[in-house]
Amino acid sequence: MLDYQRGGLRGECLYRDGADVQDGNVRGHYFTPPEEWRDDWRELLESLAFPVVDVGCGVGQHAEFLQDRGEVVAIDVSSAAVKAASERGVRDARVMDMFELDFPRDRFRSALVSGTQIGLAQSLAGARDFLADLARITDESGVAVVDNYDPTELEPGELFGYRPDPRPGVAHRTFHFEYVRDGDREVGRSLHFVLFSPDRLRDVTVGTPWRVAEVQSRGGFYKAKLTKDGAESKGGEETVSRDNA
């Protein structure tokens, strides 16, 4: 990401799962300009109240988009990602582990958790603990946006690194990054994501202040907007939109 930010990849970036490899698509995942975003995604971002915390910000494409509208704090566990975000113009980018959120209670009104980051909790219980901590740092009217893959909508072999799970609506994904540059091969740590359907996300929110208020689903991938029990939208019906294109 940092190489790309500074002028382009100096080699090949790959996902690897055993003998299987796939292009890392650095541009598509981290550098797609806002004018190429889907309208419903841009509208969801624009609906966020400030201040916003961007959790797992990567190179800060969403933080950069939002910061002209209000205060944004962008965090990522990768110091290189944070450096790339800072170099592209994100004003407040910090190195921080999403599972050790070092912010005071009620610090933010909205939390953006994009890029299936919630899956890094590795289990449904871990995802619930993460959402509980996210509730702590957002105020009583807080909103959170999370995304994930829906195992009930995926075709066999469709998702790289896929691992089944016997529980309905649950699966896993495992892979690591490899980057060959200037003749050197760099290997990242293995990543394990838990995947769960929107119905399972509703289960995950039980015992936390959150409820699922909106789901945008498209081709086995979904974005969900969570609101607090005390928010104005309490009692409203959940909005579900589906795009099979």
C-alpha atoms as a PDB file:
ATOM      1  CA  MET A   1       0.000   0.000   0.000  1.00  0.00           C
ATOM      2  CA  LEU A   2       2.795   2.383   0.857  1.00  0.00           C
ATOM      3  CA  ASP A   3       4.637   1.610  -2.385  1.00  0.00           C
ATOM      4  CA  TYR A   4       1.457   2.182  -4.384  1.00  0.00           C
ATOM      5  CA  GLN A   5       0.849   5.480  -2.592  1.00  0.00           C
ATOM      6  CA  ARG A   6       4.394   6.546  -3.463  1.00  0.00           C
ATOM      7  CA  GLY A   7       4.105   5.840  -7.150  1.00  0.00           C
ATOM      8  CA  GLY A   8       3.209   2.219  -7.765  1.00  0.00           C
ATOM      9  CA  LEU A   9       3.984  -1.366  -6.844  1.00  0.00           C
ATOM     10  CA  ARG A  10       7.601  -2.400  -7.261  1.00  0.00           C
ATOM     11  CA  GLY A  11       6.604  -6.016  -7.664  1.00  0.00           C
ATOM     12  CA  GLU A  12       3.656  -8.382  -7.365  1.00  0.00           C
ATOM     13  CA  CYS A  13       1.257  -8.452  -4.424  1.00  0.00           C
ATOM     14  CA  LEU A  14      -0.637 -11.720  -3.964  1.00  0.00           C
ATOM     15  CA  TYR A  15      -3.091 -13.453  -1.683  1.00  0.00           C
ATOM     16  CA  ARG A  16      -1.845 -16.974  -0.942  1.00  0.00           C
ATOM     17  CA  ASP A  17      -3.733 -19.904   0.557  1.00  0.00           C
ATOM     18  CA  GLY A  18      -1.529 -22.979   0.323  1.00  0.00           C
ATOM     19  CA  ALA A  19      -0.861 -23.547  -3.361  1.00  0.00           C
ATOM     20  CA  ASP A  20      -3.661 -21.193  -4.419  1.00  0.00           C
ATOM     21  CA  VAL A  21      -2.812 -17.615  -5.318  1.00  0.00           C
ATOM     22  CA  GLN A  22      -4.822 -14.567  -6.319  1.00  0.00           C
ATOM     23  CA  ASP A  23      -3.880 -11.031  -7.238  1.00  0.00           C
ATOM     24  CA  GLY A  24      -4.022  -8.717  -4.230  1.00  0.00           C
ATOM     25  CA  ASN A  25      -5.805  -6.004  -6.267  1.00  0.00           C
ATOM     26  CA  VAL A  26      -4.235  -3.170  -4.266  1.00  0.00           C
ATOM     27  CA  ARG A  27      -5.753  -0.489  -6.454  1.00  0.00           C
ATOM     28  CA  GLY A  28      -9.266  -1.929  -6.283  1.00  0.00           C
ATOM     29  CA  HIS A  29      -9.240  -2.537  -2.544  1.00  0.00           C
ATOM     30  CA  TYR A  30      -7.492   0.619  -1.356  1.00  0.00           C
ATOM     31  CA  PHE A  31      -7.259   3.259  -4.087  1.00  0.00           C
ATOM     32  CA  THR A  32     -10.607   3.317  -5.885  1.00  0.00           C
ATOM     33  CA  PRO A  33     -11.597   7.014  -6.233  1.00  0.00           C
ATOM     34  CA  PRO A  34     -14.963   8.113  -4.795  1.00  0.00           C
ATOM     35  CA  GLU A  35     -16.425   8.764  -8.228  1.00  0.00           C
ATOM     36  CA  GLU A  36     -16.189   5.002  -8.862  1.00  0.00           C
ATOM     37  CA  TRP A  37     -17.960   4.018  -5.632  1.00  0.00           C
ATOM     38  CA  ARG A  38     -21.496   2.736  -5.737  1.00  0.00           C
ATOM     39  CA  ASP A  39     -24.091   5.435  -5.046  1.00  0.00           C
ATOM     40  CA  ASP A  40     -25.611   3.534  -2.114  1.00  0.00           C
ATOM     41  CA  TRP A  41     -22.184   3.199  -0.463  1.00  0.00           C
ATOM     42  CA  ARG A  42     -21.393   6.893  -0.893  1.00  0.00           C
ATOM     43  CA  GLU A  43     -24.813   7.800   0.502  1.00  0.00           C
ATOM     44  CA  LEU A  44     -24.248   5.544   3.517  1.00  0.00           C
ATOM     45  CA  LEU A  45     -20.916   7.235   4.215  1.00  0.00           C
ATOM     46  CA  GLU A  46     -22.470  10.675   3.831  1.00  0.00           C
ATOM     47  CA  SER A  47     -25.145   9.756   6.381  1.00  0.00           C
ATOM     48  CA  LEU A  48     -22.577   9.312   9.179  1.00  0.00           C
ATOM     49  CA  ALA A  49     -22.603  11.856  12.001  1.00  0.00           C
ATOM     50  CA  PHE A  50     -19.339  13.351  13.227  1.00  0.00           C
ATOM     51  CA  PRO A  51     -16.929  12.767  14.805  1.00  0.00           C
ATOM     52  CA  VAL A  52     -16.197   9.466  13.031  1.00  0.00           C
ATOM     53  CA  VAL A  53     -13.636   6.780  13.822  1.00  0.00           C
ATOM     54  CA  ASP A  54     -12.444   4.814  10.769  1.00  0.00           C
ATOM     55  CA  VAL A  55     -11.393   1.415  12.148  1.00  0.00           C
ATOM     56  CA  GLY A  56      -8.898  -0.488   9.990  1.00  0.00           C
ATOM     57  CA  CYS A  57      -8.534   2.514   7.711  1.00  0.00           C
ATOM     58  CA  GLY A  58      -5.955   1.053   5.314  1.00  0.00           C
ATOM     59  CA  VAL A  59      -4.638   3.926   3.221  1.00  0.00           C
ATOM     60  CA  GLY A  60      -7.469   6.167   4.412  1.00  0.00           C
ATOM     61  CA  GLN A  61      -9.583   6.466   1.272  1.00  0.00           C
ATOM     62  CA  HIS A  62     -12.791   6.747   3.308  1.00  0.00           C
ATOM     63  CA  ALA A  63     -11.249   8.981   5.977  1.00  0.00           C
ATOM     64  CA  GLU A  64     -10.000  11.363   3.276  1.00  0.00           C
ATOM     65  CA  PHE A  65     -13.488  11.465   1.736  1.00  0.00           C
ATOM     66  CA  LEU A  66     -15.161  12.171   5.090  1.00  0.00           C
ATOM     67  CA  GLN A  67     -12.737  14.587   6.720  1.00  0.00           C
ATOM     68  CA  ASP A  68     -13.840  17.589   4.658  1.00  0.00           C
ATOM     69  CA  ARG A  69     -17.283  17.155   6.268  1.00  0.00           C
ATOM     70  CA  GLY A  70     -16.177  16.799   9.883  1.00  0.00           C
ATOM     71  CA  GLU A  71     -13.686  15.302  12.337  1.00  0.00           C
ATOM     72  CA  VAL A  72     -12.344  11.855  11.451  1.00  0.00           C
ATOM     73  CA  VAL A  73      -9.832   9.742  13.355  1.00  0.00           C
ATOM     74  CA  ALA A  74      -8.399   6.914  11.252  1.00  0.00           C
ATOM     75  CA  ILE A  75      -6.716   3.914  12.888  1.00  0.00           C
ATOM     76  CA  ASP A  76      -4.920   0.846  11.588  1.00  0.00           C
ATOM     77  CA  VAL A  77      -2.634  -1.733  13.182  1.00  0.00           C
ATOM     78  CA  SER A  78      -0.200  -1.357  10.271  1.00  0.00           C
ATOM     79  CA  SER A  79       2.271   1.497  10.653  1.00  0.00           C
ATOM     80  CA  ALA A  80       2.916   1.432   6.888  1.00  0.00           C
ATOM     81  CA  ALA A  81      -0.807   1.793   6.167  1.00  0.00           C
ATOM     82  CA  VAL A  82      -1.019   4.717   8.586  1.00  0.00           C
ATOM     83  CA  LYS A  83       1.989   6.314   6.933  1.00  0.00           C
ATOM     84  CA  ALA A  84       0.329   5.901   3.518  1.00  0.00           C
ATOM     85  CA  ALA A  85      -2.889   7.436   4.870  1.00  0.00           C
ATOM     86  CA  SER A  86      -0.990  10.394   6.286  1.00  0.00           C
ATOM     87  CA  GLU A  87       0.898  10.921   3.031  1.00  0.00           C
ATOM     88  CA  ARG A  88      -2.331  10.978   1.016  1.00  0.00           C
ATOM     89  CA  GLY A  89      -3.679  13.728   3.294  1.00  0.00           C
ATOM     90  CA  VAL A  90      -5.536  12.093   6.181  1.00  0.00           C
ATOM     91  CA  ARG A  91      -5.062  14.599   8.979  1.00  0.00           C
ATOM     92  CA  ASP A  92      -5.451  12.294  11.994  1.00  0.00           C
ATOM     93  CA  ALA A  93      -4.179   8.766  11.292  1.00  0.00           C
ATOM     94  CA  ARG A  94      -2.933   6.660  14.194  1.00  0.00           C
ATOM     95  CA  VAL A  95      -1.411   3.224  14.721  1.00  0.00           C
ATOM     96  CA  MET A  96      -3.867   1.328  16.929  1.00  0.00           C
ATOM     97  CA  ASP A  97      -5.149  -2.238  17.272  1.00  0.00           C
ATOM     98  CA  MET A  98      -8.903  -2.406  16.640  1.00  0.00           C
ATOM     99  CA  PHE A  99      -9.182  -4.894  19.501  1.00  0.00           C
ATOM    100  CA  GLU A 100      -7.514  -2.460  21.908  1.00  0.00           C
ATOM    101  CA  LEU A 101      -9.399   0.766  21.217  1.00  0.00           C
ATOM    102  CA  ASP A 102      -7.629   3.470  23.196  1.00  0.00           C
ATOM    103  CA  PHE A 103     -10.340   6.133  23.237  1.00  0.00           C
ATOM    104  CA  PRO A 104     -12.476   7.557  26.053  1.00  0.00           C
ATOM    105  CA  ARG A 105     -16.140   6.623  26.461  1.00  0.00           C
ATOM    106  CA  ASP A 106     -18.568   8.377  24.083  1.00  0.00           C
ATOM    107  CA  ARG A 107     -15.701   9.860  22.034  1.00  0.00           C
ATOM    108  CA  PHE A 108     -17.427   9.380  18.634  1.00  0.00           C
ATOM    109  CA  ARG A 109     -20.869   9.509  17.091  1.00  0.00           C
ATOM    110  CA  SER A 110     -20.115   7.102  14.238  1.00  0.00           C
ATOM    111  CA  ALA A 111     -17.772   4.177  13.610  1.00  0.00           C
ATOM    112  CA  LEU A 112     -16.800   2.912  10.175  1.00  0.00           C
ATOM    113  CA  VAL A 113     -15.485  -0.676  10.119  1.00  0.00           C
ATOM    114  CA  SER A 114     -15.027  -1.403   6.415  1.00  0.00           C
ATOM    115  CA  GLY A 115     -13.145  -4.188   4.623  1.00  0.00           C
ATOM    116  CA  THR A 116     -14.590  -7.167   6.584  1.00  0.00           C
ATOM    117  CA  GLN A 117     -12.481  -6.051   9.568  1.00  0.00           C
ATOM    118  CA  ILE A 118     -15.075  -7.358  12.023  1.00  0.00           C
ATOM    119  CA  GLY A 119     -14.265 -10.861  10.758  1.00  0.00           C
ATOM    120  CA  LEU A 120     -10.779 -10.576  12.250  1.00  0.00           C
ATOM    121  CA  ALA A 121     -12.443 -11.198  15.621  1.00  0.00           C
ATOM    122  CA  GLN A 122     -12.246 -14.854  14.428  1.00  0.00           C
ATOM    123  CA  SER A 123     -15.411 -15.974  16.245  1.00  0.00           C
ATOM    124  CA  LEU A 124     -18.984 -14.809  16.867  1.00  0.00           C
ATOM    125  CA  ALA A 125     -18.149 -14.273  20.531  1.00  0.00           C
ATOM    126  CA  GLY A 126     -15.097 -12.219  19.535  1.00  0.00           C
ATOM    127  CA  ALA A 127     -17.234 -10.126  17.167  1.00  0.00           C
ATOM    128  CA  ARG A 128     -19.700  -9.494  20.016  1.00  0.00           C
ATOM    129  CA  ASP A 129     -16.867  -8.368  22.306  1.00  0.00           C
ATOM    130  CA  PHE A 130     -15.591  -6.035  19.583  1.00  0.00           C
ATOM    131  CA  LEU A 131     -19.041  -4.489  19.079  1.00  0.00           C
ATOM    132  CA  ALA A 132     -19.376  -4.008  22.832  1.00  0.00           C
ATOM    133  CA  ASP A 133     -16.086  -2.094  22.866  1.00  0.00           C
ATOM    134  CA  LEU A 134     -17.200  -0.090  19.825  1.00  0.00           C
ATOM    135  CA  ALA A 135     -20.360   0.801  21.747  1.00  0.00           C
ATOM    136  CA  ARG A 136     -18.214   2.113  24.599  1.00  0.00           C
ATOM    137  CA  ILE A 137     -16.425   4.689  22.436  1.00  0.00           C
ATOM    138  CA  THR A 138     -19.588   5.882  20.647  1.00  0.00           C
ATOM    139  CA  ASP A 139     -22.303   7.980  22.279  1.00  0.00           C
ATOM    140  CA  GLU A 140     -25.893   6.958  22.953  1.00  0.00           C
ATOM    141  CA  SER A 141     -26.991   7.988  19.444  1.00  0.00           C
ATOM    142  CA  GLY A 142     -24.032   6.182  17.909  1.00  0.00           C
ATOM    143  CA  VAL A 143     -24.025   4.510  14.501  1.00  0.00           C
ATOM    144  CA  ALA A 144     -21.661   1.835  13.219  1.00  0.00           C
ATOM    145  CA  VAL A 145     -21.164   0.522   9.687  1.00  0.00           C
ATOM    146  CA  VAL A 146     -19.717  -2.979   9.298  1.00  0.00           C
ATOM    147  CA  ASP A 147     -19.460  -5.372   6.369  1.00  0.00           C
ATOM    148  CA  ASN A 148     -18.871  -9.056   5.764  1.00  0.00           C
ATOM    149  CA  TYR A 149     -19.443 -11.924   3.366  1.00  0.00           C
ATOM    150  CA  ASP A 150     -22.686 -13.868   3.686  1.00  0.00           C
ATOM    151  CA  PRO A 151     -21.970 -17.628   3.529  1.00  0.00           C
ATOM    152  CA  THR A 152     -25.608 -18.335   2.664  1.00  0.00           C
ATOM    153  CA  GLU A 153     -25.238 -16.333  -0.563  1.00  0.00           C
ATOM    154  CA  LEU A 154     -21.822 -17.564  -1.724  1.00  0.00           C
ATOM    155  CA  GLU A 155     -21.362 -20.191  -4.408  1.00  0.00           C
ATOM    156  CA  PRO A 156     -18.883 -23.051  -3.769  1.00  0.00           C
ATOM    157  CA  GLY A 157     -15.361 -21.934  -4.649  1.00  0.00           C
ATOM    158  CA  GLU A 158     -16.453 -18.319  -5.140  1.00  0.00           C
ATOM    159  CA  LEU A 159     -14.444 -16.776  -2.299  1.00  0.00           C
ATOM    160  CA  PHE A 160     -10.675 -17.147  -2.059  1.00  0.00           C
ATOM    161  CA  GLY A 161      -9.503 -18.867   1.128  1.00  0.00           C
ATOM    162  CA  TYR A 162     -12.998 -20.066   2.052  1.00  0.00           C
ATOM    163  CA  ARG A 163     -13.444 -22.596   4.866  1.00  0.00           C
ATOM    164  CA  PRO A 164     -16.868 -24.104   5.681  1.00  0.00           C
ATOM    165  CA  ASP A 165     -18.400 -24.272   9.146  1.00  0.00           C
ATOM    166  CA  PRO A 166     -21.143 -26.700  10.244  1.00  0.00           C
ATOM    167  CA  ARG A 167     -23.203 -23.864  11.737  1.00  0.00           C
ATOM    168  CA  PRO A 168     -25.791 -22.251   9.439  1.00  0.00           C
ATOM    169  CA  GLY A 169     -24.766 -18.810   8.222  1.00  0.00           C
ATOM    170  CA  VAL A 170     -21.167 -19.120   9.436  1.00  0.00           C
ATOM    171  CA  ALA A 171     -17.917 -19.817   7.569  1.00  0.00           C
ATOM    172  CA  HIS A 172     -14.269 -18.773   7.668  1.00  0.00           C
ATOM    173  CA  ARG A 173     -11.621 -17.341   5.392  1.00  0.00           C
ATOM    174  CA  THR A 174      -7.865 -17.755   5.672  1.00  0.00           C
ATOM    175  CA  PHE A 175      -4.992 -16.408   3.581  1.00  0.00           C
ATOM    176  CA  HIS A 176      -1.836 -14.338   3.793  1.00  0.00           C
ATOM    177  CA  PHE A 177      -0.232 -11.656   1.649  1.00  0.00           C
ATOM    178  CA  GLU A 178       2.986 -12.074  -0.291  1.00  0.00           C
ATOM    179  CA  TYR A 179       4.822  -9.191  -1.922  1.00  0.00           C
ATOM    180  CA  VAL A 180       7.772  -9.780  -4.209  1.00  0.00           C
ATOM    181  CA  ARG A 181       9.660  -6.541  -4.727  1.00  0.00           C
ATOM    182  CA  ASP A 182      13.193  -5.793  -5.871  1.00  0.00           C
ATOM    183  CA  GLY A 183      13.897  -9.521  -5.833  1.00  0.00           C
ATOM    184  CA  ASP A 184      12.879  -9.964  -2.174  1.00  0.00           C
ATOM    185  CA  ARG A 185       9.840 -11.944  -1.075  1.00  0.00           C
ATOM    186  CA  GLU A 186       7.953 -10.552   1.909  1.00  0.00           C
ATOM    187  CA  VAL A 187       5.359 -12.780   3.598  1.00  0.00           C
ATOM    188  CA  GLY A 188       2.653 -11.396   5.858  1.00  0.00           C
ATOM    189  CA  ARG A 189       1.059 -13.155   8.808  1.00  0.00           C
ATOM    190  CA  SER A 190      -1.830 -15.531   8.223  1.00  0.00           C
ATOM    191  CA  LEU A 191      -5.211 -13.820   8.467  1.00  0.00           C
ATOM    192  CA  HIS A 192      -8.284 -15.631   9.772  1.00  0.00           C
ATOM    193  CA  PHE A 193     -11.712 -14.090   9.248  1.00  0.00           C
ATOM    194  CA  VAL A 194     -15.017 -15.371  10.571  1.00  0.00           C
ATOM    195  CA  LEU A 195     -17.777 -14.855   8.014  1.00  0.00           C
ATOM    196  CA  PHE A 196     -21.399 -14.583   9.084  1.00  0.00           C
ATOM    197  CA  SER A 197     -24.724 -13.781   7.486  1.00  0.00           C
ATOM    198  CA  PRO A 198     -26.876 -10.758   8.397  1.00  0.00           C
ATOM    199  CA  ASP A 199     -29.043 -13.075  10.519  1.00  0.00           C
ATOM    200  CA  ARG A 200     -25.948 -14.157  12.426  1.00  0.00           C
ATOM    201  CA  LEU A 201     -24.925 -10.508  12.785  1.00  0.00           C
ATOM    202  CA  ARG A 202     -28.275  -9.903  14.486  1.00  0.00           C
ATOM    203  CA  ASP A 203     -27.378 -12.742  16.871  1.00  0.00           C
ATOM    204  CA  VAL A 204     -23.969 -11.165  17.476  1.00  0.00           C
ATOM    205  CA  THR A 205     -25.539  -7.861  18.532  1.00  0.00           C
ATOM    206  CA  VAL A 206     -27.528  -9.569  21.312  1.00  0.00           C
ATOM    207  CA  GLY A 207     -26.115  -8.434  24.640  1.00  0.00           C
ATOM    208  CA  THR A 208     -24.687  -5.227  23.125  1.00  0.00           C
ATOM    209  CA  PRO A 209     -26.390  -1.827  22.719  1.00  0.00           C
ATOM    210  CA  TRP A 210     -26.491  -2.303  18.945  1.00  0.00           C
ATOM    211  CA  ARG A 211     -29.245  -3.435  16.629  1.00  0.00           C
ATOM    212  CA  VAL A 212     -29.160  -3.953  12.859  1.00  0.00           C
ATOM    213  CA  ALA A 213     -30.998  -1.039  11.242  1.00  0.00           C
ATOM    214  CA  GLU A 214     -30.087  -1.441   7.560  1.00  0.00           C
ATOM    215  CA  VAL A 215     -28.531  -4.087   5.316  1.00  0.00           C
ATOM    216  CA  GLN A 216     -27.258  -3.542   1.772  1.00  0.00           C
ATOM    217  CA  SER A 217     -26.596  -6.926   0.147  1.00  0.00           C
ATOM    218  CA  ARG A 218     -24.933  -7.594  -3.176  1.00  0.00           C
ATOM    219  CA  GLY A 219     -23.550 -10.850  -4.565  1.00  0.00           C
ATOM    220  CA  GLY A 220     -22.719 -12.542  -1.271  1.00  0.00           C
ATOM    221  CA  PHE A 221     -21.307  -9.391   0.321  1.00  0.00           C
ATOM    222  CA  TYR A 222     -23.220  -7.005   2.559  1.00  0.00           C
ATOM    223  CA  LYS A 223     -22.890  -3.751   4.455  1.00  0.00           C
ATOM    224  CA  ALA A 224     -24.869  -3.265   7.635  1.00  0.00           C
ATOM    225  CA  LYS A 225     -25.714  -0.097   9.529  1.00  0.00           C
ATOM    226  CA  LEU A 226     -26.023  -0.588  13.286  1.00  0.00           C
ATOM    227  CA  THR A 227     -27.747   1.851  15.616  1.00  0.00           C
ATOM    228  CA  LYS A 228     -27.941   1.987  19.380  1.00  0.00           C
ATOM    229  CA  ASP A 229     -31.046   0.986  21.331  1.00  0.00           C
ATOM    230  CA  GLY A 230     -31.276   4.567  22.573  1.00  0.00           C
ATOM    231  CA  ALA A 231     -31.041   6.185  19.136  1.00  0.00           C
ATOM    232  CA  GLU A 232     -33.954   8.055  17.559  1.00  0.00           C
ATOM    233  CA  SER A 233     -34.487   5.194  15.114  1.00  0.00           C
ATOM    234  CA  LYS A 234     -35.418   2.819  17.942  1.00  0.00           C
ATOM    235  CA  GLY A 235     -38.544   0.916  17.082  1.00  0.00           C
ATOM    236  CA  GLY A 236     -38.159   1.559  13.365  1.00  0.00           C
ATOM    237  CA  GLU A 237     -38.187  -1.306  10.913  1.00  0.00           C
ATOM    238  CA  GLU A 238     -34.951  -2.623   9.518  1.00  0.00           C
ATOM    239  CA  THR A 239     -34.198  -1.654   5.922  1.00  0.00           C
ATOM    240  CA  VAL A 240     -32.937  -4.425   3.630  1.00  0.00           C
ATOM    241  CA  SER A 241     -31.815  -3.821   0.069  1.00  0.00           C
ATOM    242  CA  ARG A 242     -30.572  -6.541  -2.249  1.00  0.00           C
ATOM    243  CA  ASP A 243     -28.733  -6.197  -5.539  1.00  0.00           C
ATOM    244  CA  ASN A 244     -28.062  -9.482  -7.334  1.00  0.00           C
ATOM    245  CA  ALA A 245     -26.092  -7.834 -10.128  1.00  0.00           C
END
